[in-house]
Amino acid sequence: MGWRWHGLGALGAALCSAQALACEGAQYVRLRQPVEISPQEKAEFRAMAPLRVLSSDAPPMARYDQRSKAYTGISVDVWCFIARELGLRYEIVPGLDQTLTEKLQQVQQGRADVFMPLSRQPERARLGLFTRPYYESHYAVIARKGQHLPVHSVDDLARYRVGTIRGVALEGMLKDIVPASQLVSYSPTSNAGLYQHVRDGAVDVAVFNKSMFTEDRYRYEYFDLEVILSLREHPREYRFYFSPSPRHQRIVAAFDRYLEALDVSASISAHEDGEREFIGRYMAQNGQRAVLQAASVAAAILVLVFGLAFMRYRRMARLLAASNQQILRQQEALQAANQSLGRLNQNLEQLSLSDSLTGLANRRAFDQALQREHARLQHAGAPLSVLLLDVDHFKCVNDHYGHATGDDYLRAIAQVLRKTVTRPTDLAARHGGEEFACLLPDTAARDARSVAERIRQATARLALPNALAGEKTLTVSIGVATLAHGRASAQELLQQADAQLYAAKRAGRNRVQAVEL
């Protein structure tokens, strides 16, 4: 598989900051395989004038931070990575007060060069150039909480008054399903009007991007709204959109070569974590407000009690006793609130270290454990082994059976790992996409290879169908690296395991390749 991690140099970081793109996230993007770009192409790209880039505020793909005055997100990470690889210069064109339609017109008319992110539509494709996709998102049907509307598919929307944002990719399909008298399109400059009309009953449901609604729901406290259906059968693939010109055709061709070889799973995970952190901060702030409100109530009661005591001296003893009881109740309430906040923080921390699909540890948890065990190895001298596992021909599963079946297969493999990697010191994790990783402390090379072979055989015994693959059933390839002596770093150990996985793939898949450092 051959990983190549790329950090930002000082020049690149300074350029990104000046351009109002937070390019630090490019570290989350990696190449699954090398991309060939000729010196002539790179020279041509470096000589080009800076590209004028427009972006939308569409988390987690792109989010504009008012404090830092910069964009972050999956689109920004991918753009910064590829632009740096090609030597492209660029600048952000101001446009926070412009609609999506106005921004697209600038690109289509050549007044701007690039827009990100954007889903492909035939009309847009006729007026500009799309790259390959790099992220998939979904729309959701949103209704007032507790309505229990019987909406089980997009066809059920025909019986309701439906609101959507003008110009979104799903608008054309909604026009084919929902009668014109029942479909209301809202201005893309603000989502507030759409949400408010659902809340006051002007429309029955709204169709909007699920990730953006989740963030808006917590940011603006739309807790009376909820998602009643995720439209997973209508995914939107997001791409970069260039104005049509021979120069941009060459850039798009180069971008496509990189996009075909990129793994952005770490970026997706990081920005989804960012969304969870935003929600966590919101909950913590609300908890703090509750504590402050309780303290304010207690203070007000104390003022009242002492005021009455001053005015009515003969009733002081009774009022003081009542005041003490009230203080005790407030203290108990404050203690309960603090305990609730502690449990919430623990749950959020656990979520940040777990993979939501398989229940295994996620990549963040694996990387932390690898660094910890590697440091322990330097002192104790015990061997440390790493297994990297990749599902063979997994794209064939998704293409032939669908993503839901692919998710079931990944959960089945996760169960194999739980049953095989069982020591308390061991760790099995989903490393990203269809890749898994196992960390085996105090495990010699022969034992690590034995564990890998048991995983491979157990997966084969599942006999999960894969009709488009050569084996006809699901198999895995595994790379094993063991650090027994020497001073190799944790990253080098991981790279060696990846190299062995790549060798297993080249040797025909469904096998184990191992090396001892």
Protein backbone atom coordinates (compact mmCIF):
# COMPACT_ATOMS: atom_id res chain seq x y z
CA MET A 1 0.00 0.00 0.00
CA GLY A 2 3.02 2.28 0.54
CA TRP A 3 2.06 5.18 2.85
CA ARG A 4 3.45 8.61 2.27
CA TRP A 5 2.71 11.16 5.02
CA HIS A 6 3.45 14.79 4.18
CA GLY A 7 3.80 17.54 6.79
CA LEU A 8 3.59 21.24 5.93
CA GLY A 9 6.79 23.21 5.52
CA ALA A 10 7.14 26.71 6.93
CA LEU A 11 6.58 28.31 3.52
CA GLY A 12 3.43 26.26 2.85
CA ALA A 13 2.00 27.03 6.27
CA ALA A 14 2.62 30.75 5.83
CA LEU A 15 1.04 30.71 2.37
CA CYS A 16 -2.08 28.87 3.62
CA SER A 17 -2.50 31.31 6.50
CA ALA A 18 -2.23 34.28 4.13
CA GLN A 19 -4.78 32.70 1.80
CA ALA A 20 -7.34 32.14 4.61
CA LEU A 21 -7.09 28.35 4.37
CA ALA A 22 -6.08 26.42 7.50
CA CYS A 23 -3.73 23.95 5.79
CA GLU A 24 -2.56 22.13 8.92
CA GLY A 25 -5.14 19.43 8.16
CA ALA A 26 -3.20 18.33 5.04
CA GLN A 27 -1.28 16.03 7.40
CA TYR A 28 -4.40 13.84 7.56
CA VAL A 29 -4.22 13.08 3.81
CA ARG A 30 -2.04 10.24 2.53
CA LEU A 31 -1.27 8.47 -0.73
CA ARG A 32 -2.11 4.81 -1.08
CA GLN A 33 0.27 4.60 -4.03
CA PRO A 34 2.77 6.96 -5.72
CA VAL A 35 1.49 9.48 -8.29
CA GLU A 36 3.65 10.23 -11.31
CA ILE A 37 3.85 13.92 -12.25
CA SER A 38 6.49 14.84 -14.82
CA PRO A 39 8.98 17.67 -14.18
CA GLN A 40 7.51 19.49 -17.19
CA GLU A 41 4.02 19.39 -15.64
CA LYS A 42 5.28 20.63 -12.29
CA ALA A 43 7.19 23.43 -13.98
CA GLU A 44 4.04 24.43 -15.86
CA PHE A 45 1.92 24.42 -12.68
CA ARG A 46 4.49 26.45 -10.72
CA ALA A 47 4.59 29.06 -13.49
CA MET A 48 0.80 29.56 -13.49
CA ALA A 49 -0.79 32.64 -11.98
CA PRO A 50 -2.42 32.09 -8.55
CA LEU A 51 -5.78 30.34 -8.77
CA ARG A 52 -8.76 32.29 -7.43
CA VAL A 53 -10.64 29.96 -5.10
CA LEU A 54 -14.22 30.27 -3.78
CA SER A 55 -15.58 28.11 -0.95
CA SER A 56 -18.89 27.52 0.79
CA ASP A 57 -19.55 27.10 4.50
CA ALA A 58 -20.62 23.42 4.46
CA PRO A 59 -19.20 21.40 7.39
CA PRO A 60 -17.52 18.94 7.62
CA MET A 61 -16.31 19.55 4.02
CA ALA A 62 -15.60 23.27 4.57
CA ARG A 63 -16.23 25.39 7.65
CA TYR A 64 -15.52 29.13 7.99
CA ASP A 65 -14.21 30.09 11.42
CA GLN A 66 -15.07 33.71 12.25
CA ARG A 67 -12.35 33.88 14.92
CA SER A 68 -9.43 32.73 12.76
CA LYS A 69 -10.93 34.10 9.50
CA ALA A 70 -9.98 30.83 7.79
CA TYR A 71 -11.61 27.80 6.20
CA THR A 72 -11.05 24.29 7.55
CA GLY A 73 -12.51 20.92 6.57
CA ILE A 74 -12.05 17.82 4.45
CA SER A 75 -12.11 19.83 1.17
CA VAL A 76 -9.45 22.21 2.52
CA ASP A 77 -7.20 19.32 3.61
CA VAL A 78 -7.41 17.65 0.18
CA TRP A 79 -6.94 20.94 -1.70
CA CYS A 80 -3.88 21.96 0.33
CA PHE A 81 -2.28 18.53 -0.07
CA ILE A 82 -2.67 18.32 -3.87
CA ALA A 83 -1.92 22.00 -4.51
CA ARG A 84 1.32 21.66 -2.55
CA GLU A 85 2.25 18.47 -4.43
CA LEU A 86 1.71 20.21 -7.80
CA GLY A 87 3.29 23.52 -6.78
CA LEU A 88 0.08 25.48 -7.47
CA ARG A 89 -0.38 28.94 -6.00
CA TYR A 90 -3.83 30.17 -4.97
CA GLU A 91 -5.77 32.84 -3.14
CA ILE A 92 -9.21 32.91 -1.52
CA VAL A 93 -11.71 35.24 -3.22
CA PRO A 94 -13.96 37.01 -0.64
CA GLY A 95 -17.56 35.90 -0.95
CA LEU A 96 -19.15 35.28 2.46
CA ASP A 97 -22.18 37.43 1.49
CA GLN A 98 -22.70 35.69 -1.87
CA THR A 99 -25.12 32.86 -2.66
CA LEU A 100 -24.08 29.51 -4.08
CA THR A 101 -25.53 30.50 -7.47
CA GLU A 102 -23.53 33.74 -7.54
CA LYS A 103 -20.30 31.90 -6.70
CA LEU A 104 -20.89 29.26 -9.39
CA GLN A 105 -21.56 31.99 -11.97
CA GLN A 106 -18.19 33.55 -11.16
CA VAL A 107 -16.46 30.22 -11.86
CA GLN A 108 -18.50 29.46 -14.97
CA GLN A 109 -17.80 32.95 -16.39
CA GLY A 110 -14.07 32.77 -15.61
CA ARG A 111 -14.10 35.50 -12.92
CA ALA A 112 -12.96 32.87 -10.42
CA ASP A 113 -11.06 29.62 -11.08
CA VAL A 114 -12.26 27.07 -8.52
CA PHE A 115 -15.20 26.39 -6.20
CA MET A 116 -15.26 23.81 -3.39
CA PRO A 117 -17.03 21.64 -2.44
CA LEU A 118 -19.69 20.92 -5.09
CA SER A 119 -21.79 17.92 -6.12
CA ARG A 120 -22.02 17.10 -9.81
CA GLN A 121 -25.12 18.01 -11.85
CA PRO A 122 -25.46 17.83 -15.65
CA GLU A 123 -26.09 21.57 -15.99
CA ARG A 124 -23.04 22.39 -13.87
CA ALA A 125 -20.92 19.91 -15.85
CA ARG A 126 -21.81 21.68 -19.12
CA LEU A 127 -20.53 25.01 -17.78
CA GLY A 128 -17.44 23.89 -15.88
CA LEU A 129 -14.97 21.08 -15.13
CA PHE A 130 -15.43 18.59 -12.27
CA THR A 131 -12.65 16.52 -10.67
CA ARG A 132 -13.15 13.02 -9.34
CA PRO A 133 -15.10 12.87 -6.04
CA TYR A 134 -13.32 12.81 -2.70
CA TYR A 135 -16.19 12.83 -0.16
CA GLU A 136 -19.73 11.44 0.06
CA SER A 137 -22.50 13.05 2.10
CA HIS A 138 -26.22 12.54 2.60
CA TYR A 139 -29.33 14.65 2.84
CA ALA A 140 -31.90 14.20 5.59
CA VAL A 141 -35.62 14.79 6.05
CA ILE A 142 -36.15 17.11 9.04
CA ALA A 143 -39.43 17.58 10.92
CA ARG A 144 -40.76 18.95 14.19
CA LYS A 145 -39.91 16.64 17.06
CA GLY A 146 -42.67 14.26 18.10
CA GLN A 147 -44.74 14.53 14.91
CA HIS A 148 -44.04 10.87 13.94
CA LEU A 149 -44.66 11.47 10.24
CA PRO A 150 -44.71 8.16 8.27
CA VAL A 151 -41.82 9.02 5.92
CA HIS A 152 -39.92 5.85 4.96
CA SER A 153 -38.52 6.85 1.55
CA VAL A 154 -38.15 9.95 -0.59
CA ASP A 155 -41.33 9.01 -2.51
CA ASP A 156 -43.38 9.53 0.68
CA LEU A 157 -42.59 13.26 0.49
CA ALA A 158 -45.21 13.66 -2.26
CA ARG A 159 -47.97 14.00 0.37
CA TYR A 160 -46.29 16.79 2.40
CA ARG A 161 -45.34 20.43 2.10
CA VAL A 162 -41.56 20.29 1.62
CA GLY A 163 -38.96 23.03 2.07
CA THR A 164 -35.43 22.96 0.62
CA ILE A 165 -32.60 25.35 -0.21
CA ARG A 166 -32.67 26.78 -3.72
CA GLY A 167 -29.97 25.36 -6.01
CA VAL A 168 -29.00 22.25 -3.99
CA ALA A 169 -28.26 19.07 -5.93
CA LEU A 170 -31.40 17.32 -4.69
CA GLU A 171 -33.77 20.09 -5.80
CA GLY A 172 -34.32 18.58 -9.26
CA MET A 173 -35.32 15.20 -7.85
CA LEU A 174 -37.69 16.84 -5.35
CA LYS A 175 -39.41 18.71 -8.20
CA ASP A 176 -40.07 15.36 -9.88
CA ILE A 177 -41.67 13.92 -6.71
CA VAL A 178 -43.33 16.79 -4.82
CA PRO A 179 -46.13 18.79 -6.52
CA ALA A 180 -45.04 22.34 -7.33
CA SER A 181 -47.71 23.81 -5.03
CA GLN A 182 -46.20 21.88 -2.08
CA LEU A 183 -42.48 22.55 -2.73
CA VAL A 184 -40.98 25.74 -1.24
CA SER A 185 -37.42 26.83 -2.12
CA TYR A 186 -35.56 29.09 0.33
CA SER A 187 -32.70 31.52 -0.17
CA PRO A 188 -29.27 29.83 0.12
CA THR A 189 -27.85 32.83 2.02
CA SER A 190 -29.38 31.60 5.29
CA ASN A 191 -30.79 28.34 6.62
CA ALA A 192 -32.71 30.08 9.40
CA GLY A 193 -35.81 30.73 7.27
CA LEU A 194 -36.07 27.07 6.30
CA TYR A 195 -35.78 25.89 9.91
CA GLN A 196 -38.24 28.50 11.20
CA HIS A 197 -40.92 27.53 8.69
CA VAL A 198 -40.66 23.88 9.79
CA ARG A 199 -40.96 24.98 13.42
CA ASP A 200 -44.04 27.18 12.86
CA GLY A 201 -45.75 24.68 10.50
CA ALA A 202 -45.48 26.67 7.26
CA VAL A 203 -43.96 23.49 5.76
CA ASP A 204 -44.22 19.94 7.09
CA VAL A 205 -40.63 18.84 6.49
CA ALA A 206 -37.30 20.19 5.25
CA VAL A 207 -34.74 18.38 3.08
CA PHE A 208 -31.23 19.54 3.95
CA ASN A 209 -27.62 18.36 4.37
CA LYS A 210 -27.53 16.13 7.49
CA SER A 211 -24.09 17.19 8.78
CA MET A 212 -24.89 20.90 8.48
CA PHE A 213 -28.24 20.46 10.25
CA THR A 214 -26.57 18.59 13.14
CA GLU A 215 -24.24 21.51 13.76
CA ASP A 216 -26.98 24.16 13.28
CA ARG A 217 -29.25 22.25 15.69
CA TYR A 218 -26.78 22.62 18.55
CA ARG A 219 -25.45 26.04 17.59
CA TYR A 220 -28.91 27.68 17.42
CA GLU A 221 -30.73 25.31 19.83
CA TYR A 222 -33.21 23.86 17.34
CA PHE A 223 -34.03 21.05 19.76
CA ASP A 224 -37.65 20.99 18.62
CA LEU A 225 -36.45 19.67 15.23
CA GLU A 226 -35.14 16.18 14.46
CA VAL A 227 -34.00 13.98 11.54
CA ILE A 228 -36.74 11.48 10.67
CA LEU A 229 -35.08 9.94 7.60
CA SER A 230 -31.52 9.84 6.20
CA LEU A 231 -31.60 9.69 2.40
CA ARG A 232 -28.72 7.22 2.04
CA GLU A 233 -30.08 5.92 -1.25
CA HIS A 234 -29.35 9.36 -2.74
CA PRO A 235 -25.73 10.10 -1.71
CA ARG A 236 -24.01 13.25 -2.96
CA GLU A 237 -20.40 12.96 -4.11
CA TYR A 238 -18.46 16.20 -3.62
CA ARG A 239 -15.73 17.40 -5.95
CA PHE A 240 -13.67 20.46 -6.95
CA TYR A 241 -15.26 22.59 -9.70
CA PHE A 242 -13.03 24.51 -12.17
CA SER A 243 -13.96 27.12 -14.77
CA PRO A 244 -13.68 25.70 -18.32
CA SER A 245 -10.31 26.40 -19.96
CA PRO A 246 -7.46 24.33 -21.49
CA ARG A 247 -5.24 25.27 -18.53
CA HIS A 248 -7.82 24.00 -16.04
CA GLN A 249 -8.31 20.79 -18.03
CA ARG A 250 -4.64 19.98 -17.38
CA ILE A 251 -5.01 20.83 -13.68
CA VAL A 252 -8.16 18.69 -13.37
CA ALA A 253 -6.36 15.75 -15.04
CA ALA A 254 -3.51 16.06 -12.50
CA PHE A 255 -5.98 16.39 -9.59
CA ASP A 256 -7.77 13.22 -10.75
CA ARG A 257 -4.53 11.26 -10.64
CA TYR A 258 -4.04 12.27 -7.02
CA LEU A 259 -7.68 11.82 -6.02
CA GLU A 260 -7.60 8.27 -7.37
CA ALA A 261 -4.65 7.47 -5.08
CA LEU A 262 -5.66 9.45 -1.96
CA ASP A 263 -6.90 8.09 1.35
CA VAL A 264 -8.79 10.85 3.20
CA SER A 265 -10.24 8.64 5.93
CA ALA A 266 -8.09 10.31 8.62
CA SER A 267 -9.29 13.77 7.50
CA ILE A 268 -12.92 12.62 7.57
CA SER A 269 -12.41 11.19 11.06
CA ALA A 270 -10.66 14.36 12.27
CA HIS A 271 -13.40 16.71 11.08
CA GLU A 272 -16.17 14.44 12.34
CA ASP A 273 -14.31 14.52 15.68
CA GLY A 274 -14.32 18.30 15.32
CA GLU A 275 -18.10 18.22 15.01
CA ARG A 276 -18.35 16.02 18.12
CA GLU A 277 -16.01 18.38 19.98
CA PHE A 278 -18.27 21.30 19.00
CA ILE A 279 -21.29 19.45 20.41
CA GLY A 280 -19.30 18.56 23.53
CA ARG A 281 -18.35 22.19 24.06
CA TYR A 282 -21.96 23.21 23.63
CA MET A 283 -23.13 20.67 26.23
CA ALA A 284 -20.40 21.76 28.65
CA GLN A 285 -21.35 25.43 28.21
CA ASN A 286 -24.99 24.61 28.81
CA GLY A 287 -24.01 22.69 31.94
CA GLN A 288 -21.99 25.66 33.16
CA ARG A 289 -24.94 27.96 32.52
CA ALA A 290 -27.16 25.64 34.55
CA VAL A 291 -24.66 25.74 37.41
CA LEU A 292 -24.47 29.55 37.25
CA GLN A 293 -28.25 29.83 37.12
CA ALA A 294 -28.56 27.56 40.16
CA ALA A 295 -25.95 29.64 41.98
CA SER A 296 -27.80 32.85 41.06
CA VAL A 297 -31.05 31.41 42.39
CA ALA A 298 -29.31 30.46 45.62
CA ALA A 299 -27.83 33.92 45.96
CA ALA A 300 -31.20 35.57 45.36
CA ILE A 301 -32.82 33.38 47.99
CA LEU A 302 -30.09 34.23 50.48
CA VAL A 303 -30.59 37.95 49.89
CA LEU A 304 -34.32 37.54 50.39
CA VAL A 305 -33.86 35.48 53.55
CA PHE A 306 -31.46 37.94 55.17
CA GLY A 307 -33.63 40.87 54.13
CA LEU A 308 -36.62 39.35 55.82
CA ALA A 309 -34.50 38.47 58.85
CA PHE A 310 -33.41 42.09 59.16
CA MET A 311 -36.98 43.33 58.91
CA ARG A 312 -38.47 40.65 61.08
CA TYR A 313 -36.04 39.91 63.85
CA ARG A 314 -38.43 37.72 65.79
CA ARG A 315 -38.65 35.25 62.87
CA MET A 316 -34.89 35.09 62.28
CA ALA A 317 -34.31 31.58 63.64
CA ARG A 318 -36.99 30.05 61.44
CA LEU A 319 -35.83 31.91 58.34
CA LEU A 320 -32.18 30.98 58.94
CA ALA A 321 -33.12 27.31 59.28
CA ALA A 322 -35.05 27.50 56.01
CA SER A 323 -32.11 29.24 54.37
CA ASN A 324 -29.71 26.52 55.50
CA GLN A 325 -31.96 23.83 54.06
CA GLN A 326 -32.14 25.72 50.77
CA ILE A 327 -28.36 26.06 50.63
CA LEU A 328 -27.98 22.33 51.22
CA ARG A 329 -30.39 21.56 48.38
CA GLN A 330 -28.53 23.93 46.07
CA GLN A 331 -25.21 22.32 46.97
CA GLU A 332 -26.66 18.89 46.22
CA ALA A 333 -27.98 20.21 42.90
CA LEU A 334 -24.57 21.68 42.03
CA GLN A 335 -22.86 18.40 42.95
CA ALA A 336 -25.31 16.43 40.78
CA ALA A 337 -24.74 18.84 37.88
CA ASN A 338 -20.96 18.47 38.19
CA GLN A 339 -21.26 14.67 38.26
CA SER A 340 -23.43 14.77 35.13
CA LEU A 341 -20.83 16.93 33.39
CA GLY A 342 -18.10 14.47 34.39
CA ARG A 343 -20.03 11.52 32.96
CA LEU A 344 -20.72 13.49 29.76
CA ASN A 345 -17.02 14.29 29.32
CA GLN A 346 -16.11 10.61 29.88
CA ASN A 347 -18.66 9.52 27.26
CA LEU A 348 -17.37 12.06 24.75
CA GLU A 349 -13.77 10.92 25.36
CA GLN A 350 -14.82 7.28 24.82
CA LEU A 351 -16.62 8.21 21.59
CA SER A 352 -13.52 10.03 20.34
CA LEU A 353 -11.48 6.79 20.70
CA SER A 354 -14.03 4.35 19.19
CA ASP A 355 -15.03 3.51 15.64
CA SER A 356 -18.79 4.01 15.33
CA LEU A 357 -19.30 1.29 12.68
CA THR A 358 -17.37 -1.65 14.16
CA GLY A 359 -17.10 -0.75 17.85
CA LEU A 360 -13.32 -1.31 17.70
CA ALA A 361 -10.77 1.30 18.68
CA ASN A 362 -10.31 3.98 16.03
CA ARG A 363 -7.11 5.22 14.42
CA ARG A 364 -6.57 7.88 17.05
CA ALA A 365 -6.68 5.28 19.84
CA PHE A 366 -4.35 2.96 17.89
CA ASP A 367 -1.76 5.70 17.26
CA GLN A 368 -1.75 6.64 20.95
CA ALA A 369 -1.30 2.99 22.00
CA LEU A 370 1.50 2.46 19.45
CA GLN A 371 3.47 5.43 20.78
CA ARG A 372 2.93 4.25 24.37
CA GLU A 373 4.02 0.65 23.73
CA HIS A 374 6.98 1.75 21.60
CA ALA A 375 8.21 3.94 24.46
CA ARG A 376 7.80 1.00 26.86
CA LEU A 377 9.77 -1.25 24.49
CA GLN A 378 12.73 1.15 24.57
CA HIS A 379 12.97 0.60 28.35
CA ALA A 380 11.91 -3.04 28.72
CA GLY A 381 13.44 -4.49 25.54
CA ALA A 382 10.46 -6.77 24.87
CA PRO A 383 9.44 -7.35 21.21
CA LEU A 384 6.57 -5.34 19.71
CA SER A 385 4.53 -6.51 16.68
CA VAL A 386 2.11 -4.65 14.42
CA LEU A 387 -0.41 -6.24 12.01
CA LEU A 388 -1.99 -4.27 9.15
CA LEU A 389 -4.97 -5.96 7.51
CA ASP A 390 -6.73 -4.93 4.29
CA VAL A 391 -9.91 -6.49 2.87
CA ASP A 392 -9.23 -7.86 -0.62
CA HIS A 393 -11.38 -6.46 -3.46
CA PHE A 394 -13.62 -4.60 -1.00
CA LYS A 395 -14.71 -2.18 -3.72
CA CYS A 396 -16.28 -5.16 -5.49
CA VAL A 397 -18.46 -5.77 -2.41
CA ASN A 398 -19.75 -2.18 -2.34
CA ASP A 399 -20.26 -2.08 -6.12
CA HIS A 400 -22.10 -5.42 -6.31
CA TYR A 401 -23.99 -5.69 -3.00
CA GLY A 402 -24.15 -2.09 -1.79
CA HIS A 403 -22.57 -0.13 1.07
CA ALA A 404 -24.93 -1.60 3.68
CA THR A 405 -23.59 -5.10 2.95
CA GLY A 406 -20.05 -3.71 2.93
CA ASP A 407 -20.65 -2.31 6.43
CA ASP A 408 -21.94 -5.74 7.57
CA TYR A 409 -18.75 -7.37 6.21
CA LEU A 410 -16.56 -4.89 8.11
CA ARG A 411 -18.46 -5.65 11.32
CA ALA A 412 -17.98 -9.40 10.71
CA ILE A 413 -14.21 -8.93 10.34
CA ALA A 414 -14.19 -6.82 13.51
CA GLN A 415 -15.79 -9.78 15.33
CA VAL A 416 -13.04 -12.08 14.01
CA LEU A 417 -10.43 -9.70 15.46
CA ARG A 418 -12.19 -9.65 18.86
CA LYS A 419 -12.12 -13.44 19.01
CA THR A 420 -8.49 -13.74 17.82
CA VAL A 421 -6.74 -10.78 19.45
CA THR A 422 -7.77 -11.50 23.04
CA ARG A 423 -4.97 -10.58 25.45
CA PRO A 424 -5.71 -7.58 27.70
CA THR A 425 -2.54 -5.87 26.42
CA ASP A 426 -3.44 -6.33 22.74
CA LEU A 427 -5.41 -3.79 20.71
CA ALA A 428 -7.50 -4.27 17.55
CA ALA A 429 -8.56 -1.12 15.68
CA ARG A 430 -10.20 0.03 12.50
CA HIS A 431 -7.44 1.97 10.80
CA GLY A 432 -9.59 3.58 8.12
CA GLY A 433 -11.91 2.42 5.32
CA GLU A 434 -11.47 -1.34 4.88
CA GLU A 435 -8.14 -1.38 6.78
CA PHE A 436 -7.65 -2.76 10.30
CA ALA A 437 -4.63 -2.78 12.60
CA CYS A 438 -3.58 -4.92 15.56
CA LEU A 439 -0.97 -3.99 18.20
CA LEU A 440 0.66 -6.99 19.92
CA PRO A 441 3.05 -6.00 22.77
CA ASP A 442 5.51 -8.63 24.04
CA THR A 443 4.92 -10.72 20.91
CA ALA A 444 7.79 -12.26 18.92
CA ALA A 445 7.80 -12.48 15.11
CA ARG A 446 6.75 -16.16 14.94
CA ASP A 447 3.81 -15.63 17.34
CA ALA A 448 2.68 -12.48 15.51
CA ARG A 449 2.67 -14.32 12.20
CA SER A 450 0.65 -17.12 13.82
CA VAL A 451 -1.97 -14.62 15.02
CA ALA A 452 -2.15 -13.09 11.54
CA GLU A 453 -2.62 -16.51 9.95
CA ARG A 454 -5.47 -17.32 12.35
CA ILE A 455 -7.17 -14.05 11.41
CA ARG A 456 -6.79 -14.80 7.69
CA GLN A 457 -8.18 -18.33 8.05
CA ALA A 458 -11.07 -17.24 10.30
CA THR A 459 -12.05 -14.59 7.74
CA ALA A 460 -11.99 -17.16 4.94
CA ARG A 461 -14.20 -19.48 7.00
CA LEU A 462 -16.87 -16.76 7.15
CA ALA A 463 -17.46 -17.55 3.45
CA LEU A 464 -18.87 -14.09 2.81
CA PRO A 465 -19.80 -13.88 -0.88
CA ASN A 466 -17.77 -11.57 -3.16
CA ALA A 467 -18.98 -12.49 -6.64
CA LEU A 468 -16.84 -9.99 -8.55
CA ALA A 469 -13.54 -11.09 -6.91
CA GLY A 470 -11.36 -13.94 -8.09
CA GLU A 471 -11.81 -15.97 -4.87
CA LYS A 472 -15.64 -15.49 -4.96
CA THR A 473 -15.58 -15.10 -1.16
CA LEU A 474 -14.19 -12.39 1.05
CA THR A 475 -10.47 -12.66 1.93
CA VAL A 476 -7.88 -10.47 3.63
CA SER A 477 -4.20 -9.71 3.14
CA ILE A 478 -2.05 -9.04 6.21
CA GLY A 479 1.34 -7.39 6.71
CA VAL A 480 3.29 -8.11 9.91
CA ALA A 481 6.27 -6.18 11.31
CA THR A 482 8.08 -7.04 14.56
CA LEU A 483 10.56 -4.77 16.34
CA ALA A 484 12.80 -7.07 18.35
CA HIS A 485 16.06 -5.10 18.44
CA GLY A 486 17.42 -1.84 17.13
CA ARG A 487 16.14 1.70 17.39
CA ALA A 488 13.49 1.87 14.67
CA SER A 489 10.77 4.45 15.43
CA ALA A 490 7.09 3.66 15.88
CA GLN A 491 6.41 5.24 12.47
CA GLU A 492 9.07 3.08 10.81
CA LEU A 493 7.56 -0.04 12.40
CA LEU A 494 4.15 0.94 10.99
CA GLN A 495 5.65 1.66 7.56
CA GLN A 496 7.31 -1.76 7.51
CA ALA A 497 3.97 -3.46 8.31
CA ASP A 498 2.40 -1.46 5.48
CA ALA A 499 5.19 -2.52 3.11
CA GLN A 500 4.55 -6.16 3.98
CA LEU A 501 0.83 -5.67 3.38
CA TYR A 502 1.62 -4.19 -0.02
CA ALA A 503 3.87 -7.21 -0.75
CA ALA A 504 1.02 -9.59 0.20
CA LYS A 505 -1.27 -7.75 -2.22
CA ARG A 506 1.27 -8.00 -5.03
CA ALA A 507 1.84 -11.69 -4.35
CA GLY A 508 -1.80 -12.49 -5.05
CA ARG A 509 -3.74 -11.45 -1.89
CA ASN A 510 -5.27 -13.74 0.77
CA ARG A 511 -1.90 -14.25 2.44
CA VAL A 512 0.41 -13.07 5.25
CA GLN A 513 3.78 -11.36 4.70
CA ALA A 514 6.05 -10.63 7.66
CA VAL A 515 9.38 -8.99 8.51
CA GLU A 516 11.46 -8.71 11.68
CA LEU A 517 13.39 -5.47 12.34
